Amino acid sequence: MVLIDVSDASVLTSKNISRVEAKAITVLIEEIEKRTGIKLPVIYQWKGEDKTTIIVGSEKSIEGLKIPYLNLLDELEKPG
């Protein structure tokens, strides 16, 4: 098992997300807080910092975000 340090992490998403995506973010943040005591902030713009960032959203909703390495997502196997 690989552990990820989320003590200074944030959740990055677009302001143009669906209700389903918004609910997924809420559940993610609540579960992380329940299990670690850490409440992650939600950000809507890449700050360029060298911190753990969890990107949440559909391909369409995050395509306008300027995120380093976003093109690497194209190499991942897509579900369905």
PDB file of N, CA and C in Angstrom:
ATOM      1  N   MET A   1       0.846  -1.176   0.000  1.00  0.00           N
ATOM      2  CA  MET A   1       0.000   0.000   0.000  1.00  0.00           C
ATOM      3  C   MET A   1       0.891   1.239   0.000  1.00  0.00           C
ATOM      4  N   VAL A   2       0.547   2.169  -0.858  1.00  0.00           N
ATOM      5  CA  VAL A   2       1.271   3.428  -0.939  1.00  0.00           C
ATOM      6  C   VAL A   2       0.452   4.496  -0.246  1.00  0.00           C
ATOM      7  N   LEU A   3       1.064   5.217   0.665  1.00  0.00           N
ATOM      8  CA  LEU A   3       0.387   6.303   1.359  1.00  0.00           C
ATOM      9  C   LEU A   3       0.754   7.628   0.717  1.00  0.00           C
ATOM     10  N   ILE A   4      -0.207   8.515   0.635  1.00  0.00           N
ATOM     11  CA  ILE A   4       0.014   9.842   0.072  1.00  0.00           C
ATOM     12  C   ILE A   4      -0.160  10.857   1.191  1.00  0.00           C
ATOM     13  N   ASP A   5       0.793  11.751   1.325  1.00  0.00           N
ATOM     14  CA  ASP A   5       0.707  12.812   2.329  1.00  0.00           C
ATOM     15  C   ASP A   5      -0.259  13.877   1.819  1.00  0.00           C
ATOM     16  N   VAL A   6      -1.402  14.001   2.478  1.00  0.00           N
ATOM     17  CA  VAL A   6      -2.395  14.994   2.072  1.00  0.00           C
ATOM     18  C   VAL A   6      -2.466  16.168   3.049  1.00  0.00           C
ATOM     19  N   SER A   7      -1.489  16.267   3.925  1.00  0.00           N
ATOM     20  CA  SER A   7      -1.552  17.301   4.954  1.00  0.00           C
ATOM     21  C   SER A   7      -1.567  18.713   4.383  1.00  0.00           C
ATOM     22  N   ASP A   8      -0.986  18.911   3.202  1.00  0.00           N
ATOM     23  CA  ASP A   8      -1.020  20.245   2.585  1.00  0.00           C
ATOM     24  C   ASP A   8      -1.657  20.197   1.191  1.00  0.00           C
ATOM     25  N   ALA A   9      -2.448  19.159   0.942  1.00  0.00           N
ATOM     26  CA  ALA A   9      -3.058  18.962  -0.380  1.00  0.00           C
ATOM     27  C   ALA A   9      -4.265  19.870  -0.570  1.00  0.00           C
ATOM     28  N   SER A  10      -4.656  19.992  -1.824  1.00  0.00           N
ATOM     29  CA  SER A  10      -5.889  20.695  -2.158  1.00  0.00           C
ATOM     30  C   SER A  10      -6.576  19.945  -3.296  1.00  0.00           C
ATOM     31  N   VAL A  11      -7.861  20.232  -3.475  1.00  0.00           N
ATOM     32  CA  VAL A  11      -8.645  19.630  -4.541  1.00  0.00           C
ATOM     33  C   VAL A  11      -8.843  20.700  -5.608  1.00  0.00           C
ATOM     34  N   LEU A  12      -8.389  20.410  -6.805  1.00  0.00           N
ATOM     35  CA  LEU A  12      -8.499  21.340  -7.930  1.00  0.00           C
ATOM     36  C   LEU A  12      -9.614  20.881  -8.850  1.00  0.00           C
ATOM     37  N   THR A  13     -10.500  21.803  -9.172  1.00  0.00           N
ATOM     38  CA  THR A  13     -11.580  21.502 -10.090  1.00  0.00           C
ATOM     39  C   THR A  13     -11.957  22.764 -10.844  1.00  0.00           C
ATOM     40  N   SER A  14     -12.822  22.616 -11.799  1.00  0.00           N
ATOM     41  CA  SER A  14     -13.330  23.742 -12.570  1.00  0.00           C
ATOM     42  C   SER A  14     -14.563  24.313 -11.876  1.00  0.00           C
ATOM     43  N   LYS A  15     -14.871  25.553 -12.141  1.00  0.00           N
ATOM     44  CA  LYS A  15     -16.111  26.127 -11.623  1.00  0.00           C
ATOM     45  C   LYS A  15     -17.308  25.634 -12.429  1.00  0.00           C
ATOM     46  N   ASN A  16     -17.055  25.018 -13.575  1.00  0.00           N
ATOM     47  CA  ASN A  16     -18.118  24.532 -14.460  1.00  0.00           C
ATOM     48  C   ASN A  16     -18.254  23.024 -14.363  1.00  0.00           C
ATOM     49  N   ILE A  17     -18.631  22.536 -13.196  1.00  0.00           N
ATOM     50  CA  ILE A  17     -18.784  21.093 -13.003  1.00  0.00           C
ATOM     51  C   ILE A  17     -20.260  20.759 -12.816  1.00  0.00           C
ATOM     52  N   SER A  18     -20.568  19.506 -13.038  1.00  0.00           N
ATOM     53  CA  SER A  18     -21.948  19.038 -12.867  1.00  0.00           C
ATOM     54  C   SER A  18     -22.250  18.829 -11.385  1.00  0.00           C
ATOM     55  N   ARG A  19     -23.507  18.612 -11.089  1.00  0.00           N
ATOM     56  CA  ARG A  19     -23.907  18.310  -9.702  1.00  0.00           C
ATOM     57  C   ARG A  19     -23.260  17.020  -9.222  1.00  0.00           C
ATOM     58  N   VAL A  20     -23.152  16.055 -10.135  1.00  0.00           N
ATOM     59  CA  VAL A  20     -22.536  14.774  -9.775  1.00  0.00           C
ATOM     60  C   VAL A  20     -21.070  14.978  -9.403  1.00  0.00           C
ATOM     61  N   GLU A  21     -20.355  15.773 -10.190  1.00  0.00           N
ATOM     62  CA  GLU A  21     -18.944  16.053  -9.889  1.00  0.00           C
ATOM     63  C   GLU A  21     -18.819  16.812  -8.569  1.00  0.00           C
ATOM     64  N   ALA A  22     -19.705  17.772  -8.348  1.00  0.00           N
ATOM     65  CA  ALA A  22     -19.681  18.542  -7.098  1.00  0.00           C
ATOM     66  C   ALA A  22     -19.916  17.626  -5.898  1.00  0.00           C
ATOM     67  N   LYS A  23     -20.852  16.691  -6.044  1.00  0.00           N
ATOM     68  CA  LYS A  23     -21.123  15.747  -4.958  1.00  0.00           C
ATOM     69  C   LYS A  23     -19.922  14.835  -4.730  1.00  0.00           C
ATOM     70  N   ALA A  24     -19.267  14.403  -5.794  1.00  0.00           N
ATOM     71  CA  ALA A  24     -18.076  13.550  -5.658  1.00  0.00           C
ATOM     72  C   ALA A  24     -16.981  14.281  -4.881  1.00  0.00           C
ATOM     73  N   ILE A  25     -16.823  15.562  -5.158  1.00  0.00           N
ATOM     74  CA  ILE A  25     -15.815  16.352  -4.441  1.00  0.00           C
ATOM     75  C   ILE A  25     -16.175  16.454  -2.968  1.00  0.00           C
ATOM     76  N   THR A  26     -17.447  16.715  -2.679  1.00  0.00           N
ATOM     77  CA  THR A  26     -17.896  16.806  -1.283  1.00  0.00           C
ATOM     78  C   THR A  26     -17.641  15.503  -0.545  1.00  0.00           C
ATOM     79  N   VAL A  27     -18.001  14.382  -1.162  1.00  0.00           N
ATOM     80  CA  VAL A  27     -17.798  13.073  -0.529  1.00  0.00           C
ATOM     81  C   VAL A  27     -16.314  12.809  -0.321  1.00  0.00           C
ATOM     82  N   LEU A  28     -15.488  13.111  -1.313  1.00  0.00           N
ATOM     83  CA  LEU A  28     -14.042  12.921  -1.195  1.00  0.00           C
ATOM     84  C   LEU A  28     -13.486  13.710  -0.014  1.00  0.00           C
ATOM     85  N   ILE A  29     -13.844  14.977   0.062  1.00  0.00           N
ATOM     86  CA  ILE A  29     -13.342  15.837   1.143  1.00  0.00           C
ATOM     87  C   ILE A  29     -13.828  15.339   2.503  1.00  0.00           C
ATOM     88  N   GLU A  30     -15.089  14.955   2.592  1.00  0.00           N
ATOM     89  CA  GLU A  30     -15.633  14.445   3.848  1.00  0.00           C
ATOM     90  C   GLU A  30     -14.950  13.158   4.283  1.00  0.00           C
ATOM     91  N   GLU A  31     -14.712  12.254   3.329  1.00  0.00           N
ATOM     92  CA  GLU A  31     -14.061  10.981   3.666  1.00  0.00           C
ATOM     93  C   GLU A  31     -12.613  11.184   4.105  1.00  0.00           C
ATOM     94  N   ILE A  32     -11.905  12.055   3.420  1.00  0.00           N
ATOM     95  CA  ILE A  32     -10.523  12.334   3.831  1.00  0.00           C
ATOM     96  C   ILE A  32     -10.502  12.951   5.217  1.00  0.00           C
ATOM     97  N   GLU A  33     -11.432  13.875   5.464  1.00  0.00           N
ATOM     98  CA  GLU A  33     -11.486  14.511   6.784  1.00  0.00           C
ATOM     99  C   GLU A  33     -11.847  13.500   7.872  1.00  0.00           C
ATOM    100  N   LYS A  34     -12.803  12.623   7.570  1.00  0.00           N
ATOM    101  CA  LYS A  34     -13.222  11.615   8.544  1.00  0.00           C
ATOM    102  C   LYS A  34     -12.070  10.676   8.892  1.00  0.00           C
ATOM    103  N   ARG A  35     -11.269  10.317   7.908  1.00  0.00           N
ATOM    104  CA  ARG A  35     -10.213   9.333   8.118  1.00  0.00           C
ATOM    105  C   ARG A  35      -8.894   9.937   8.611  1.00  0.00           C
ATOM    106  N   THR A  36      -8.677  11.225   8.323  1.00  0.00           N
ATOM    107  CA  THR A  36      -7.382  11.828   8.678  1.00  0.00           C
ATOM    108  C   THR A  36      -7.484  13.046   9.588  1.00  0.00           C
ATOM    109  N   GLY A  37      -8.688  13.637   9.675  1.00  0.00           N
ATOM    110  CA  GLY A  37      -8.835  14.873  10.428  1.00  0.00           C
ATOM    111  C   GLY A  37      -8.415  16.098   9.632  1.00  0.00           C
ATOM    112  N   ILE A  38      -8.101  15.899   8.353  1.00  0.00           N
ATOM    113  CA  ILE A  38      -7.642  16.997   7.493  1.00  0.00           C
ATOM    114  C   ILE A  38      -8.753  17.356   6.515  1.00  0.00           C
ATOM    115  N   LYS A  39      -9.156  18.634   6.503  1.00  0.00           N
ATOM    116  CA  LYS A  39     -10.171  19.092   5.540  1.00  0.00           C
ATOM    117  C   LYS A  39      -9.448  19.803   4.406  1.00  0.00           C
ATOM    118  N   LEU A  40      -9.553  19.222   3.220  1.00  0.00           N
ATOM    119  CA  LEU A  40      -8.863  19.777   2.064  1.00  0.00           C
ATOM    120  C   LEU A  40      -9.619  20.967   1.485  1.00  0.00           C
ATOM    121  N   PRO A  41      -8.903  22.024   1.112  1.00  0.00           N
ATOM    122  CA  PRO A  41      -9.555  23.149   0.453  1.00  0.00           C
ATOM    123  C   PRO A  41      -9.793  22.833  -1.022  1.00  0.00           C
ATOM    124  N   VAL A  42     -10.821  23.456  -1.591  1.00  0.00           N
ATOM    125  CA  VAL A  42     -11.100  23.342  -3.023  1.00  0.00           C
ATOM    126  C   VAL A  42     -10.563  24.609  -3.690  1.00  0.00           C
ATOM    127  N   ILE A  43      -9.794  24.415  -4.764  1.00  0.00           N
ATOM    128  CA  ILE A  43      -9.276  25.549  -5.519  1.00  0.00           C
ATOM    129  C   ILE A  43      -9.749  25.416  -6.967  1.00  0.00           C
ATOM    130  N   TYR A  44      -9.804  26.545  -7.664  1.00  0.00           N
ATOM    131  CA  TYR A  44     -10.317  26.548  -9.028  1.00  0.00           C
ATOM    132  C   TYR A  44      -9.280  26.998 -10.041  1.00  0.00           C
ATOM    133  N   GLN A  45      -8.065  27.191  -9.554  1.00  0.00           N
ATOM    134  CA  GLN A  45      -6.976  27.612 -10.432  1.00  0.00           C
ATOM    135  C   GLN A  45      -5.677  27.038  -9.896  1.00  0.00           C
ATOM    136  N   TRP A  46      -4.855  26.509 -10.813  1.00  0.00           N
ATOM    137  CA  TRP A  46      -3.557  25.965 -10.432  1.00  0.00           C
ATOM    138  C   TRP A  46      -2.698  27.097  -9.888  1.00  0.00           C
ATOM    139  N   LYS A  47      -2.155  26.902  -8.683  1.00  0.00           N
ATOM    140  CA  LYS A  47      -1.365  27.951  -8.053  1.00  0.00           C
ATOM    141  C   LYS A  47       0.113  27.852  -8.384  1.00  0.00           C
ATOM    142  N   GLY A  48       0.502  26.798  -9.085  1.00  0.00           N
ATOM    143  CA  GLY A  48       1.894  26.636  -9.461  1.00  0.00           C
ATOM    144  C   GLY A  48       2.789  26.198  -8.319  1.00  0.00           C
ATOM    145  N   GLU A  49       2.179  25.781  -7.233  1.00  0.00           N
ATOM    146  CA  GLU A  49       2.953  25.349  -6.069  1.00  0.00           C
ATOM    147  C   GLU A  49       3.290  23.868  -6.182  1.00  0.00           C
ATOM    148  N   ASP A  50       4.348  23.488  -5.523  1.00  0.00           N
ATOM    149  CA  ASP A  50       4.773  22.090  -5.510  1.00  0.00           C
ATOM    150  C   ASP A  50       4.101  21.395  -4.326  1.00  0.00           C
ATOM    151  N   LYS A  51       2.791  21.228  -4.421  1.00  0.00           N
ATOM    152  CA  LYS A  51       2.014  20.575  -3.378  1.00  0.00           C
ATOM    153  C   LYS A  51       1.157  19.482  -3.994  1.00  0.00           C
ATOM    154  N   THR A  52       0.732  18.557  -3.173  1.00  0.00           N
ATOM    155  CA  THR A  52      -0.155  17.510  -3.637  1.00  0.00           C
ATOM    156  C   THR A  52      -1.477  18.136  -4.058  1.00  0.00           C
ATOM    157  N   THR A  53      -1.888  17.836  -5.271  1.00  0.00           N
ATOM    158  CA  THR A  53      -3.135  18.377  -5.802  1.00  0.00           C
ATOM    159  C   THR A  53      -3.957  17.235  -6.374  1.00  0.00           C
ATOM    160  N   ILE A  54      -5.197  17.137  -5.922  1.00  0.00           N
ATOM    161  CA  ILE A  54      -6.112  16.114  -6.414  1.00  0.00           C
ATOM    162  C   ILE A  54      -7.039  16.798  -7.413  1.00  0.00           C
ATOM    163  N   ILE A  55      -6.949  16.395  -8.668  1.00  0.00           N
ATOM    164  CA  ILE A  55      -7.748  17.008  -9.720  1.00  0.00           C
ATOM    165  C   ILE A  55      -9.019  16.185  -9.895  1.00  0.00           C
ATOM    166  N   VAL A  56     -10.172  16.851  -9.785  1.00  0.00           N
ATOM    167  CA  VAL A  56     -11.449  16.155  -9.882  1.00  0.00           C
ATOM    168  C   VAL A  56     -12.303  16.816 -10.949  1.00  0.00           C
ATOM    169  N   GLY A  57     -12.824  15.994 -11.852  1.00  0.00           N
ATOM    170  CA  GLY A  57     -13.723  16.496 -12.879  1.00  0.00           C
ATOM    171  C   GLY A  57     -13.667  15.620 -14.105  1.00  0.00           C
ATOM    172  N   SER A  58     -14.644  15.792 -14.945  1.00  0.00           N
ATOM    173  CA  SER A  58     -14.645  15.068 -16.208  1.00  0.00           C
ATOM    174  C   SER A  58     -13.623  15.698 -17.143  1.00  0.00           C
ATOM    175  N   GLU A  59     -13.281  14.973 -18.199  1.00  0.00           N
ATOM    176  CA  GLU A  59     -12.351  15.536 -19.183  1.00  0.00           C
ATOM    177  C   GLU A  59     -12.841  16.886 -19.683  1.00  0.00           C
ATOM    178  N   LYS A  60     -14.121  16.942 -19.967  1.00  0.00           N
ATOM    179  CA  LYS A  60     -14.702  18.170 -20.509  1.00  0.00           C
ATOM    180  C   LYS A  60     -14.623  19.323 -19.495  1.00  0.00           C
ATOM    181  N   SER A  61     -14.918  19.049 -18.226  1.00  0.00           N
ATOM    182  CA  SER A  61     -14.958  20.133 -17.244  1.00  0.00           C
ATOM    183  C   SER A  61     -13.574  20.664 -16.878  1.00  0.00           C
ATOM    184  N   ILE A  62     -12.543  19.844 -17.005  1.00  0.00           N
ATOM    185  CA  ILE A  62     -11.209  20.325 -16.623  1.00  0.00           C
ATOM    186  C   ILE A  62     -10.353  20.750 -17.807  1.00  0.00           C
ATOM    187  N   GLU A  63     -10.881  20.610 -19.030  1.00  0.00           N
ATOM    188  CA  GLU A  63     -10.060  20.899 -20.202  1.00  0.00           C
ATOM    189  C   GLU A  63      -9.592  22.349 -20.267  1.00  0.00           C
ATOM    190  N   GLY A  64     -10.315  23.275 -19.679  1.00  0.00           N
ATOM    191  CA  GLY A  64      -9.912  24.679 -19.722  1.00  0.00           C
ATOM    192  C   GLY A  64      -8.922  25.069 -18.638  1.00  0.00           C
ATOM    193  N   LEU A  65      -8.673  24.176 -17.688  1.00  0.00           N
ATOM    194  CA  LEU A  65      -7.731  24.492 -16.616  1.00  0.00           C
ATOM    195  C   LEU A  65      -6.302  24.420 -17.133  1.00  0.00           C
ATOM    196  N   LYS A  66      -5.494  25.346 -16.732  1.00  0.00           N
ATOM    197  CA  LYS A  66      -4.088  25.336 -17.120  1.00  0.00           C
ATOM    198  C   LYS A  66      -3.318  24.589 -16.031  1.00  0.00           C
ATOM    199  N   ILE A  67      -3.118  23.304 -16.291  1.00  0.00           N
ATOM    200  CA  ILE A  67      -2.487  22.426 -15.316  1.00  0.00           C
ATOM    201  C   ILE A  67      -1.270  21.782 -15.958  1.00  0.00           C
ATOM    202  N   PRO A  68      -0.115  21.871 -15.297  1.00  0.00           N
ATOM    203  CA  PRO A  68       1.048  21.160 -15.844  1.00  0.00           C
ATOM    204  C   PRO A  68       0.754  19.664 -15.937  1.00  0.00           C
ATOM    205  N   TYR A  69       1.227  19.061 -16.958  1.00  0.00           N
ATOM    206  CA  TYR A  69       1.122  17.617 -17.160  1.00  0.00           C
ATOM    207  C   TYR A  69      -0.293  17.149 -17.484  1.00  0.00           C
ATOM    208  N   LEU A  70      -1.228  18.063 -17.750  1.00  0.00           N
ATOM    209  CA  LEU A  70      -2.598  17.662 -18.062  1.00  0.00           C
ATOM    210  C   LEU A  70      -2.625  16.712 -19.262  1.00  0.00           C
ATOM    211  N   ASN A  71      -1.697  16.897 -20.177  1.00  0.00           N
ATOM    212  CA  ASN A  71      -1.650  16.026 -21.347  1.00  0.00           C
ATOM    213  C   ASN A  71      -1.353  14.565 -20.983  1.00  0.00           C
ATOM    214  N   LEU A  72      -0.773  14.329 -19.815  1.00  0.00           N
ATOM    215  CA  LEU A  72      -0.494  12.952 -19.403  1.00  0.00           C
ATOM    216  C   LEU A  72      -1.783  12.162 -19.143  1.00  0.00           C
ATOM    217  N   LEU A  73      -2.870  12.867 -18.866  1.00  0.00           N
ATOM    218  CA  LEU A  73      -4.150  12.188 -18.653  1.00  0.00           C
ATOM    219  C   LEU A  73      -4.585  11.445 -19.901  1.00  0.00           C
ATOM    220  N   ASP A  74      -4.179  11.943 -21.071  1.00  0.00           N
ATOM    221  CA  ASP A  74      -4.539  11.288 -22.338  1.00  0.00           C
ATOM    222  C   ASP A  74      -3.940   9.880 -22.436  1.00  0.00           C
ATOM    223  N   GLU A  75      -2.867   9.637 -21.704  1.00  0.00           N
ATOM    224  CA  GLU A  75      -2.190   8.346 -21.770  1.00  0.00           C
ATOM    225  C   GLU A  75      -2.819   7.300 -20.842  1.00  0.00           C
ATOM    226  N   LEU A  76      -3.708   7.737 -19.942  1.00  0.00           N
ATOM    227  CA  LEU A  76      -4.329   6.811 -18.998  1.00  0.00           C
ATOM    228  C   LEU A  76      -5.476   6.060 -19.656  1.00  0.00           C
ATOM    229  N   GLU A  77      -5.688   4.839 -19.200  1.00  0.00           N
ATOM    230  CA  GLU A  77      -6.809   4.060 -19.709  1.00  0.00           C
ATOM    231  C   GLU A  77      -8.101   4.654 -19.177  1.00  0.00           C
ATOM    232  N   LYS A  78      -9.052   4.859 -20.058  1.00  0.00           N
ATOM    233  CA  LYS A  78     -10.316   5.462 -19.678  1.00  0.00           C
ATOM    234  C   LYS A  78     -11.345   4.371 -19.378  1.00  0.00           C
ATOM    235  N   PRO A  79     -12.075   4.539 -18.277  1.00  0.00           N
ATOM    236  CA  PRO A  79     -13.091   3.523 -17.949  1.00  0.00           C
ATOM    237  C   PRO A  79     -14.243   3.562 -18.943  1.00  0.00           C
ATOM    238  N   GLY A  80     -14.913   2.444 -19.073  1.00  0.00           N
ATOM    239  CA  GLY A  80     -16.108   2.360 -19.911  1.00  0.00           C
ATOM    240  C   GLY A  80     -15.772   2.216 -21.295  1.00  0.00           C
TER     241      GLY A  80
END
